[in-house]
C-alpha atoms as a PDB file:
ATOM      1  CA  MET A   1      31.377 -42.224 -41.890  1.00  0.00           C
ATOM      2  CA  SER A   2      34.577 -40.610 -43.771  1.00  0.00           C
ATOM      3  CA  GLU A   3      37.864 -41.234 -42.843  1.00  0.00           C
ATOM      4  CA  ASP A   4      38.582 -37.231 -42.116  1.00  0.00           C
ATOM      5  CA  LEU A   5      40.593 -36.381 -38.826  1.00  0.00           C
ATOM      6  CA  PRO A   6      41.346 -33.280 -37.009  1.00  0.00           C
ATOM      7  CA  THR A   7      43.958 -31.037 -38.253  1.00  0.00           C
ATOM      8  CA  GLU A   8      47.492 -32.228 -36.667  1.00  0.00           C
ATOM      9  CA  PRO A   9      50.076 -30.374 -35.389  1.00  0.00           C
ATOM     10  CA  ILE A  10      53.087 -29.995 -37.649  1.00  0.00           C
ATOM     11  CA  ASP A  11      56.141 -31.694 -36.736  1.00  0.00           C
ATOM     12  CA  PRO A  12      59.344 -30.567 -38.813  1.00  0.00           C
ATOM     13  CA  ARG A  13      61.232 -33.901 -38.327  1.00  0.00           C
ATOM     14  CA  ASN A  14      58.565 -35.619 -40.731  1.00  0.00           C
ATOM     15  CA  GLY A  15      59.093 -32.773 -43.280  1.00  0.00           C
ATOM     16  CA  ASP A  16      56.143 -30.479 -42.906  1.00  0.00           C
ATOM     17  CA  VAL A  17      56.355 -27.123 -43.375  1.00  0.00           C
ATOM     18  CA  PRO A  18      53.959 -24.176 -42.777  1.00  0.00           C
ATOM     19  CA  THR A  19      51.170 -22.995 -45.198  1.00  0.00           C
ATOM     20  CA  GLU A  20      52.709 -20.885 -47.958  1.00  0.00           C
ATOM     21  CA  PRO A  21      51.122 -17.624 -48.943  1.00  0.00           C
ATOM     22  CA  PHE A  22      49.160 -17.346 -52.318  1.00  0.00           C
ATOM     23  CA  ASP A  23      51.081 -15.964 -54.991  1.00  0.00           C
ATOM     24  CA  PRO A  24      48.892 -15.295 -58.149  1.00  0.00           C
ATOM     25  CA  SER A  25      52.108 -15.312 -60.663  1.00  0.00           C
ATOM     26  CA  SER A  26      52.807 -18.592 -59.730  1.00  0.00           C
ATOM     27  CA  GLY A  27      49.341 -19.773 -61.174  1.00  0.00           C
ATOM     28  CA  ASP A  28      47.646 -20.567 -57.889  1.00  0.00           C
ATOM     29  CA  ALA A  29      44.252 -19.770 -57.720  1.00  0.00           C
ATOM     30  CA  PRO A  30      42.333 -18.976 -53.947  1.00  0.00           C
ATOM     31  CA  THR A  31      39.901 -21.198 -52.653  1.00  0.00           C
ATOM     32  CA  GLU A  32      36.518 -21.216 -53.796  1.00  0.00           C
ATOM     33  CA  ALA A  33      33.733 -20.627 -51.473  1.00  0.00           C
ATOM     34  CA  PHE A  34      31.513 -23.482 -50.726  1.00  0.00           C
ATOM     35  CA  ASP A  35      28.165 -23.680 -52.709  1.00  0.00           C
ATOM     36  CA  PRO A  36      25.881 -26.385 -51.797  1.00  0.00           C
ATOM     37  CA  SER A  37      23.182 -25.752 -54.420  1.00  0.00           C
ATOM     38  CA  GLY A  38      26.358 -26.074 -57.146  1.00  0.00           C
ATOM     39  CA  GLY A  39      26.963 -29.712 -55.787  1.00  0.00           C
ATOM     40  CA  ASP A  40      29.894 -28.653 -54.121  1.00  0.00           C
ATOM     41  CA  ALA A  41      30.978 -30.877 -51.208  1.00  0.00           C
ATOM     42  CA  PRO A  42      33.368 -29.826 -48.216  1.00  0.00           C
ATOM     43  CA  THR A  43      36.995 -30.296 -48.340  1.00  0.00           C
ATOM     44  CA  VAL A  44      37.984 -33.884 -47.363  1.00  0.00           C
ATOM     45  CA  ARG A  45      41.056 -35.049 -46.409  1.00  0.00           C
ATOM     46  CA  PHE A  46      43.749 -34.707 -48.890  1.00  0.00           C
ATOM     47  CA  THR A  47      45.387 -38.428 -50.518  1.00  0.00           C
ATOM     48  CA  GLN A  48      48.292 -38.588 -52.529  1.00  0.00           C
ATOM     49  CA  PRO A  49      47.300 -40.433 -55.522  1.00  0.00           C
ATOM     50  CA  PRO A  50      49.440 -43.943 -56.090  1.00  0.00           C
ATOM     51  CA  ASP A  51      50.927 -42.982 -59.019  1.00  0.00           C
ATOM     52  CA  ALA A  52      52.727 -39.600 -57.858  1.00  0.00           C
ATOM     53  CA  SER A  53      56.297 -39.737 -57.595  1.00  0.00           C
ATOM     54  CA  GLU A  54      56.579 -36.338 -55.892  1.00  0.00           C
ATOM     55  CA  PRO A  55      54.424 -34.546 -53.141  1.00  0.00           C
ATOM     56  CA  PRO A  56      52.898 -30.815 -54.854  1.00  0.00           C
ATOM     57  CA  VAL A  57      55.265 -27.979 -53.165  1.00  0.00           C
ATOM     58  CA  GLY A  58      54.481 -27.494 -49.749  1.00  0.00           C
ATOM     59  CA  VAL A  59      52.913 -30.705 -49.075  1.00  0.00           C
ATOM     60  CA  PRO A  60      55.010 -33.383 -46.984  1.00  0.00           C
ATOM     61  CA  ALA A  61      56.063 -36.442 -48.515  1.00  0.00           C
ATOM     62  CA  SER A  62      54.642 -38.662 -45.680  1.00  0.00           C
ATOM     63  CA  ALA A  63      50.663 -38.550 -45.049  1.00  0.00           C
ATOM     64  CA  ASP A  64      48.910 -35.398 -45.015  1.00  0.00           C
ATOM     65  CA  ALA A  65      49.033 -33.577 -41.480  1.00  0.00           C
ATOM     66  CA  PRO A  66      46.597 -30.583 -40.430  1.00  0.00           C
ATOM     67  CA  THR A  67      48.141 -27.125 -40.300  1.00  0.00           C
ATOM     68  CA  VAL A  68      49.646 -25.914 -36.841  1.00  0.00           C
ATOM     69  CA  ARG A  69      50.385 -22.870 -35.641  1.00  0.00           C
ATOM     70  CA  LEU A  70      54.046 -21.611 -36.377  1.00  0.00           C
ATOM     71  CA  ASN A  71      56.279 -21.188 -33.555  1.00  0.00           C
ATOM     72  CA  GLN A  72      58.352 -18.265 -34.696  1.00  0.00           C
ATOM     73  CA  PRO A  73      59.395 -15.552 -32.127  1.00  0.00           C
ATOM     74  CA  PRO A  74      58.414 -12.380 -33.414  1.00  0.00           C
ATOM     75  CA  ALA A  75      60.526  -9.310 -34.657  1.00  0.00           C
ATOM     76  CA  ALA A  76      62.575  -7.148 -32.274  1.00  0.00           C
ATOM     77  CA  GLY A  77      60.508  -4.006 -31.396  1.00  0.00           C
ATOM     78  CA  LEU A  78      57.162  -5.850 -32.309  1.00  0.00           C
ATOM     79  CA  PRO A  79      54.523  -6.268 -29.847  1.00  0.00           C
ATOM     80  CA  ALA A  80      53.872 -10.481 -29.543  1.00  0.00           C
ATOM     81  CA  ALA A  81      50.470 -11.382 -30.979  1.00  0.00           C
ATOM     82  CA  GLY A  82      47.178 -10.177 -29.486  1.00  0.00           C
ATOM     83  CA  GLY A  83      48.956  -7.066 -27.940  1.00  0.00           C
ATOM     84  CA  ILE A  84      50.115  -9.115 -24.960  1.00  0.00           C
ATOM     85  CA  PRO A  85      53.817  -7.811 -23.733  1.00  0.00           C
ATOM     86  CA  PRO A  86      56.661 -10.100 -23.336  1.00  0.00           C
ATOM     87  CA  ALA A  87      56.840 -12.055 -19.961  1.00  0.00           C
ATOM     88  CA  ASP A  88      60.236 -10.654 -19.269  1.00  0.00           C
ATOM     89  CA  GLY A  89      58.728  -6.862 -19.476  1.00  0.00           C
ATOM     90  CA  PRO A  90      57.536  -4.293 -16.565  1.00  0.00           C
ATOM     91  CA  PRO A  91      54.049  -5.133 -15.657  1.00  0.00           C
ATOM     92  CA  PRO A  92      50.961  -2.967 -16.665  1.00  0.00           C
ATOM     93  CA  THR A  93      49.700  -0.034 -14.595  1.00  0.00           C
ATOM     94  CA  ASP A  94      46.881   1.206 -16.242  1.00  0.00           C
ATOM     95  CA  GLY A  95      44.751  -0.276 -14.024  1.00  0.00           C
ATOM     96  CA  LEU A  96      46.385   0.284 -10.354  1.00  0.00           C
ATOM     97  CA  PRO A  97      45.803   3.849  -8.707  1.00  0.00           C
ATOM     98  CA  SER A  98      48.855   5.837  -7.883  1.00  0.00           C
ATOM     99  CA  ASP A  99      49.971   7.375  -4.852  1.00  0.00           C
ATOM    100  CA  GLU A 100      49.190  10.415  -6.343  1.00  0.00           C
ATOM    101  CA  ASP A 101      45.798   9.277  -7.031  1.00  0.00           C
ATOM    102  CA  ARG A 102      45.030   7.729  -3.717  1.00  0.00           C
ATOM    103  CA  ARG A 103      46.101  11.093  -1.837  1.00  0.00           C
ATOM    104  CA  ARG A 104      43.791  13.280  -4.160  1.00  0.00           C
ATOM    105  CA  ARG A 105      41.206  10.954  -3.530  1.00  0.00           C
ATOM    106  CA  ARG A 106      41.597  11.281   0.243  1.00  0.00           C
ATOM    107  CA  SER A 107      41.651  14.997   0.106  1.00  0.00           C
ATOM    108  CA  LEU A 108      38.476  15.019  -1.811  1.00  0.00           C
ATOM    109  CA  ILE A 109      37.132  12.657   1.096  1.00  0.00           C
ATOM    110  CA  LEU A 110      38.114  14.833   3.666  1.00  0.00           C
ATOM    111  CA  LEU A 111      36.980  18.066   1.982  1.00  0.00           C
ATOM    112  CA  SER A 112      33.531  16.323   1.623  1.00  0.00           C
ATOM    113  CA  VAL A 113      33.382  15.499   5.510  1.00  0.00           C
ATOM    114  CA  LEU A 114      34.074  19.276   6.115  1.00  0.00           C
ATOM    115  CA  GLY A 115      31.654  20.787   3.881  1.00  0.00           C
ATOM    116  CA  GLY A 116      28.941  18.625   5.418  1.00  0.00           C
ATOM    117  CA  VAL A 117      29.732  19.075   9.109  1.00  0.00           C
ATOM    118  CA  LEU A 118      29.779  23.085   8.247  1.00  0.00           C
ATOM    119  CA  LEU A 119      26.363  22.440   6.089  1.00  0.00           C
ATOM    120  CA  ILE A 120      25.058  21.237   9.447  1.00  0.00           C
ATOM    121  CA  ALA A 121      26.290  23.832  11.206  1.00  0.00           C
ATOM    122  CA  VAL A 122      24.896  26.396   9.478  1.00  0.00           C
ATOM    123  CA  ILE A 123      21.483  24.282   9.199  1.00  0.00           C
ATOM    124  CA  THR A 124      21.369  24.508  13.122  1.00  0.00           C
ATOM    125  CA  VAL A 125      22.160  27.976  13.476  1.00  0.00           C
ATOM    126  CA  LEU A 126      19.632  29.417  10.978  1.00  0.00           C
ATOM    127  CA  ALA A 127      17.042  26.799  12.896  1.00  0.00           C
ATOM    128  CA  LEU A 128      18.030  28.508  16.218  1.00  0.00           C
ATOM    129  CA  LEU A 129      17.406  31.766  14.896  1.00  0.00           C
ATOM    130  CA  PHE A 130      14.029  31.173  13.194  1.00  0.00           C
ATOM    131  CA  ALA A 131      12.943  29.376  16.538  1.00  0.00           C
ATOM    132  CA  ARG A 132      13.756  32.483  18.556  1.00  0.00           C
ATOM    133  CA  GLY A 133      12.105  34.733  16.315  1.00  0.00           C
ATOM    134  CA  SER A 134       8.802  32.994  16.510  1.00  0.00           C
ATOM    135  CA  ASP A 135       8.609  33.599  20.467  1.00  0.00           C
ATOM    136  CA  GLY A 136       7.762  37.472  19.377  1.00  0.00           C
ATOM    137  CA  GLU A 137      11.114  39.156  19.484  1.00  0.00           C
ATOM    138  CA  PRO A 138      12.139  40.751  16.158  1.00  0.00           C
ATOM    139  CA  VAL A 139      15.290  39.268  14.911  1.00  0.00           C
ATOM    140  CA  VAL A 140      17.825  41.020  12.320  1.00  0.00           C
ATOM    141  CA  VAL A 141      19.343  38.702  10.459  1.00  0.00           C
ATOM    142  CA  PRO A 142      22.764  40.026   8.698  1.00  0.00           C
ATOM    143  CA  SER A 143      22.631  40.344   4.526  1.00  0.00           C
ATOM    144  CA  SER A 144      25.636  40.048   2.348  1.00  0.00           C
ATOM    145  CA  SER A 145      24.549  42.589  -0.242  1.00  0.00           C
ATOM    146  CA  ALA A 146      25.646  46.478   0.316  1.00  0.00           C
ATOM    147  CA  SER A 147      22.542  48.175   1.156  1.00  0.00           C
ATOM    148  CA  ALA A 148      21.573  48.299   4.615  1.00  0.00           C
ATOM    149  CA  THR A 149      18.657  46.249   5.865  1.00  0.00           C
ATOM    150  CA  PRO A 150      15.951  48.421   8.074  1.00  0.00           C
ATOM    151  CA  SER A 151      15.915  46.504  11.238  1.00  0.00           C
ATOM    152  CA  ALA A 152      12.502  45.390  12.339  1.00  0.00           C
ATOM    153  CA  SER A 153      10.120  47.461  14.211  1.00  0.00           C
ATOM    154  CA  PRO A 154       8.388  46.385  17.228  1.00  0.00           C
ATOM    155  CA  SER A 155       4.794  46.481  16.185  1.00  0.00           C
ATOM    156  CA  GLU A 156       2.088  49.065  17.795  1.00  0.00           C
ATOM    157  CA  THR A 157       0.143  48.168  20.535  1.00  0.00           C
ATOM    158  CA  VAL A 158      -3.405  49.588  19.680  1.00  0.00           C
ATOM    159  CA  GLU A 159      -5.352  50.079  22.965  1.00  0.00           C
ATOM    160  CA  PRO A 160      -9.268  49.546  22.578  1.00  0.00           C
ATOM    161  CA  PRO A 161     -11.138  52.502  22.594  1.00  0.00           C
ATOM    162  CA  SER A 162     -12.376  53.543  26.009  1.00  0.00           C
ATOM    163  CA  GLU A 163     -15.916  53.446  26.761  1.00  0.00           C
ATOM    164  CA  ALA A 164     -18.133  56.326  25.951  1.00  0.00           C
ATOM    165  CA  PRO A 165     -19.068  58.143  29.038  1.00  0.00           C
ATOM    166  CA  GLU A 166     -22.488  57.923  30.625  1.00  0.00           C
ATOM    167  CA  GLU A 167     -24.829  61.045  29.914  1.00  0.00           C
ATOM    168  CA  ASN A 168     -25.594  61.113  33.442  1.00  0.00           C
ATOM    169  CA  PRO A 169     -22.971  59.517  35.764  1.00  0.00           C
ATOM    170  CA  PRO A 170     -23.732  58.742  39.315  1.00  0.00           C
ATOM    171  CA  PRO A 171     -22.617  61.470  41.373  1.00  0.00           C
ATOM    172  CA  GLU A 172     -19.339  60.716  43.594  1.00  0.00           C
ATOM    173  CA  PRO A 173     -19.628  60.303  47.236  1.00  0.00           C
ATOM    174  CA  GLU A 174     -18.919  63.079  49.221  1.00  0.00           C
ATOM    175  CA  PRO A 175     -16.272  62.579  51.581  1.00  0.00           C
ATOM    176  CA  ASP A 176     -17.447  61.902  55.387  1.00  0.00           C
ATOM    177  CA  THR A 177     -15.891  64.806  57.000  1.00  0.00           C
ATOM    178  CA  GLU A 178     -16.974  66.223  60.463  1.00  0.00           C
ATOM    179  CA  PRO A 179     -16.386  70.102  60.878  1.00  0.00           C
ATOM    180  CA  ALA A 180     -13.763  71.422  62.741  1.00  0.00           C
ATOM    181  CA  PRO A 181     -14.591  71.706  66.926  1.00  0.00           C
ATOM    182  CA  PRO A 182     -14.660  75.595  67.435  1.00  0.00           C
ATOM    183  CA  ALA A 183     -11.257  76.772  68.616  1.00  0.00           C
ATOM    184  CA  ALA A 184     -11.019  77.059  72.330  1.00  0.00           C
ATOM    185  CA  THR A 185     -11.214  81.015  73.248  1.00  0.00           C
ATOM    186  CA  GLY A 186      -9.956  80.628  76.897  1.00  0.00           C
ATOM    187  CA  PRO A 187      -8.290  83.382  78.722  1.00  0.00           C
ATOM    188  CA  THR A 188      -5.989  85.964  77.197  1.00  0.00           C
ATOM    189  CA  PHE A 189      -3.772  88.519  78.102  1.00  0.00           C
ATOM    190  CA  ALA A 190      -5.020  91.946  76.290  1.00  0.00           C
ATOM    191  CA  THR A 191      -1.764  93.736  77.732  1.00  0.00           C
ATOM    192  CA  PHE A 192       0.972  93.034  80.467  1.00  0.00           C
ATOM    193  CA  THR A 193       3.542  95.457  81.772  1.00  0.00           C
ATOM    194  CA  ALA A 194       6.859  94.644  84.337  1.00  0.00           C
ATOM    195  CA  PRO A 195       9.520  96.562  85.400  1.00  0.00           C
ATOM    196  CA  ALA A 196      13.080  95.006  84.192  1.00  0.00           C
ATOM    197  CA  SER A 197      14.470  96.002  87.662  1.00  0.00           C
ATOM    198  CA  ALA A 198      13.701  96.788  90.978  1.00  0.00           C
ATOM    199  CA  GLY A 199      16.469  99.945  91.506  1.00  0.00           C
ATOM    200  CA  CYS A 200      17.428  99.001  94.963  1.00  0.00           C
ATOM    201  CA  THR A 201      20.061 100.280  96.460  1.00  0.00           C
ATOM    202  CA  SER A 202      22.612  99.572  99.373  1.00  0.00           C
ATOM    203  CA  ALA A 203      20.257 100.982 102.224  1.00  0.00           C
ATOM    204  CA  ASP A 204      17.220  99.501 100.897  1.00  0.00           C
ATOM    205  CA  ALA A 205      15.877  96.416 101.969  1.00  0.00           C
ATOM    206  CA  THR A 206      13.153  96.321  99.735  1.00  0.00           C
ATOM    207  CA  SER A 207      11.961  98.311  96.732  1.00  0.00           C
ATOM    208  CA  PRO A 208       8.426  98.515  95.281  1.00  0.00           C
ATOM    209  CA  ILE A 209       7.715  97.173  91.730  1.00  0.00           C
ATOM    210  CA  THR A 210       4.556  97.544  89.591  1.00  0.00           C
ATOM    211  CA  PHE A 211       2.695  94.847  87.381  1.00  0.00           C
ATOM    212  CA  SER A 212      -0.093  95.772  84.969  1.00  0.00           C
ATOM    213  CA  TRP A 213      -2.378  93.658  82.968  1.00  0.00           C
ATOM    214  CA  SER A 214      -5.415  93.180  81.304  1.00  0.00           C
ATOM    215  CA  SER A 215      -7.678  90.091  80.296  1.00  0.00           C
ATOM    216  CA  ALA A 216     -10.712  88.555  77.977  1.00  0.00           C
ATOM    217  CA  ASN A 217     -12.649  85.861  79.321  1.00  0.00           C
ATOM    218  CA  ALA A 218     -10.793  85.569  82.522  1.00  0.00           C
ATOM    219  CA  ALA A 219     -12.870  84.457  85.122  1.00  0.00           C
ATOM    220  CA  THR A 220      -9.928  84.397  88.172  1.00  0.00           C
ATOM    221  CA  ALA A 221      -6.513  85.462  88.432  1.00  0.00           C
ATOM    222  CA  TRP A 222      -3.332  84.840  90.930  1.00  0.00           C
ATOM    223  CA  PHE A 223      -0.168  86.419  91.289  1.00  0.00           C
ATOM    224  CA  GLY A 224       2.985  84.035  92.028  1.00  0.00           C
ATOM    225  CA  VAL A 225       6.366  84.689  93.095  1.00  0.00           C
ATOM    226  CA  HIS A 226       9.221  82.481  91.901  1.00  0.00           C
ATOM    227  CA  THR A 227       6.859  80.134  89.980  1.00  0.00           C
ATOM    228  CA  GLU A 228       5.754  79.991  86.428  1.00  0.00           C
ATOM    229  CA  ASN A 229       1.951  78.570  87.508  1.00  0.00           C
ATOM    230  CA  ALA A 230       0.439  81.206  90.070  1.00  0.00           C
ATOM    231  CA  LYS A 231      -2.644  79.113  90.233  1.00  0.00           C
ATOM    232  CA  ALA A 232      -0.453  75.972  91.223  1.00  0.00           C
ATOM    233  CA  ALA A 233       1.779  78.278  94.065  1.00  0.00           C
ATOM    234  CA  PRO A 234      -0.186  81.101  94.600  1.00  0.00           C
ATOM    235  CA  TYR A 235       1.214  84.368  96.459  1.00  0.00           C
ATOM    236  CA  GLU A 236      -2.501  85.374  96.173  1.00  0.00           C
ATOM    237  CA  GLU A 237      -5.445  85.919  94.037  1.00  0.00           C
ATOM    238  CA  VAL A 238      -5.924  89.240  92.078  1.00  0.00           C
ATOM    239  CA  PRO A 239      -8.257  90.693  89.699  1.00  0.00           C
ATOM    240  CA  THR A 240      -8.178  89.834  86.136  1.00  0.00           C
ATOM    241  CA  THR A 241      -7.706  93.239  84.932  1.00  0.00           C
ATOM    242  CA  THR A 242      -5.502  95.883  87.293  1.00  0.00           C
ATOM    243  CA  THR A 243      -2.394  97.417  88.295  1.00  0.00           C
ATOM    244  CA  TYR A 244      -0.343  95.501  90.715  1.00  0.00           C
ATOM    245  CA  THR A 245       2.459  96.449  93.388  1.00  0.00           C
ATOM    246  CA  PHE A 246       4.695  94.670  95.070  1.00  0.00           C
ATOM    247  CA  ASP A 247       7.739  94.657  97.182  1.00  0.00           C
ATOM    248  CA  TYR A 248      11.159  93.151  95.741  1.00  0.00           C
ATOM    249  CA  GLN A 249      13.708  91.769  98.450  1.00  0.00           C
ATOM    250  CA  CYS A 250      16.886  93.862  97.696  1.00  0.00           C
ATOM    251  CA  SER A 251      18.455  90.820  99.283  1.00  0.00           C
ATOM    252  CA  ASN A 252      17.800  88.720  95.504  1.00  0.00           C
ATOM    253  CA  ASP A 253      20.161  89.559  92.724  1.00  0.00           C
ATOM    254  CA  SER A 254      16.945  88.565  90.501  1.00  0.00           C
ATOM    255  CA  GLU A 255      13.377  87.303  90.635  1.00  0.00           C
ATOM    256  CA  PHE A 256      10.767  86.122  88.223  1.00  0.00           C
ATOM    257  CA  TYR A 257       6.888  86.373  88.655  1.00  0.00           C
ATOM    258  CA  THR A 258       4.074  85.036  87.198  1.00  0.00           C
ATOM    259  CA  VAL A 259       0.475  86.097  86.831  1.00  0.00           C
ATOM    260  CA  THR A 260      -2.202  83.312  85.690  1.00  0.00           C
ATOM    261  CA  LEU A 261      -5.581  83.602  84.476  1.00  0.00           C
ATOM    262  CA  GLU A 262      -8.446  80.979  84.421  1.00  0.00           C
ATOM    263  CA  ASP A 263     -11.846  80.904  82.854  1.00  0.00           C
ATOM    264  CA  ALA A 264     -15.134  79.064  83.686  1.00  0.00           C
ATOM    265  CA  SER A 265     -14.132  76.227  81.775  1.00  0.00           C
ATOM    266  CA  GLY A 266     -10.455  75.697  83.467  1.00  0.00           C
ATOM    267  CA  ASN A 267      -8.481  77.060  80.715  1.00  0.00           C
ATOM    268  CA  LEU A 268      -5.460  78.682  81.759  1.00  0.00           C
ATOM    269  CA  ALA A 269      -3.176  81.192  80.597  1.00  0.00           C
ATOM    270  CA  HIS A 270       0.136  82.692  82.170  1.00  0.00           C
ATOM    271  CA  LYS A 271       2.626  85.607  81.775  1.00  0.00           C
ATOM    272  CA  THR A 272       5.987  85.373  83.487  1.00  0.00           C
ATOM    273  CA  ALA A 273       8.488  88.359  83.980  1.00  0.00           C
ATOM    274  CA  THR A 274      11.983  88.093  85.296  1.00  0.00           C
ATOM    275  CA  ILE A 275      13.392  91.434  87.153  1.00  0.00           C
ATOM    276  CA  THR A 276      17.046  92.017  88.419  1.00  0.00           C
ATOM    277  CA  LYS A 277      17.765  93.983  91.707  1.00  0.00           C
ATOM    278  CA  ASN A 278      19.175  97.408  90.169  1.00  0.00           C
END
């Protein structure tokens, strides 16, 4: 086991100095690489010969010590070793987002949320339109193109062909109608005449007036005074065809008279005349 020790830190109080740079003009030669095949051995601790009066240049007078880091301040304007800024400088800001970046990110998040809401609303409207169109009603969807889109025309209903008529259709039943009964003939007046006035004077108590009539289908006739049904209130029974004279009472300003006919079935016919005094 060798007596090698780890490199000790430099101590200027003991006369230690940092390693000097290589200078080819002074006759120095660089350290050769270790070659185990050539019988080289690793570097061992330097031991000063006992007869040496002075140590070589750069070697402290005392016992050898390991090389240590030189605590020399860096030149002004140059960054410290390892790219680390001085402790009294401003803190780095590369890794922290600024206020403008935060605002931009919030805006992007808000726009993303609004876009999602609008997309959901459009999908819902389209779903409702398609669902309504599936019920059979034509749905016209507006188009963004300039050309006009013809609206959907309602489907025409094709009626099934009617059945061919039978060659010998059954006869339609005739309406069950009874023949109208014959019109009742009854008695009728063929002619009827009566004067408009009696022609009375101040000296006359009565004045004769004459009626004349003829009839058909009449079996009986009646003459009546101041009645419209001579059969119900007869003055007397008269012939069905005749000329009949009656005395007008001149004390009356006017009077009406009726002739009533009756056939064999009991049907009646009436004629009434109103006559004035003069």
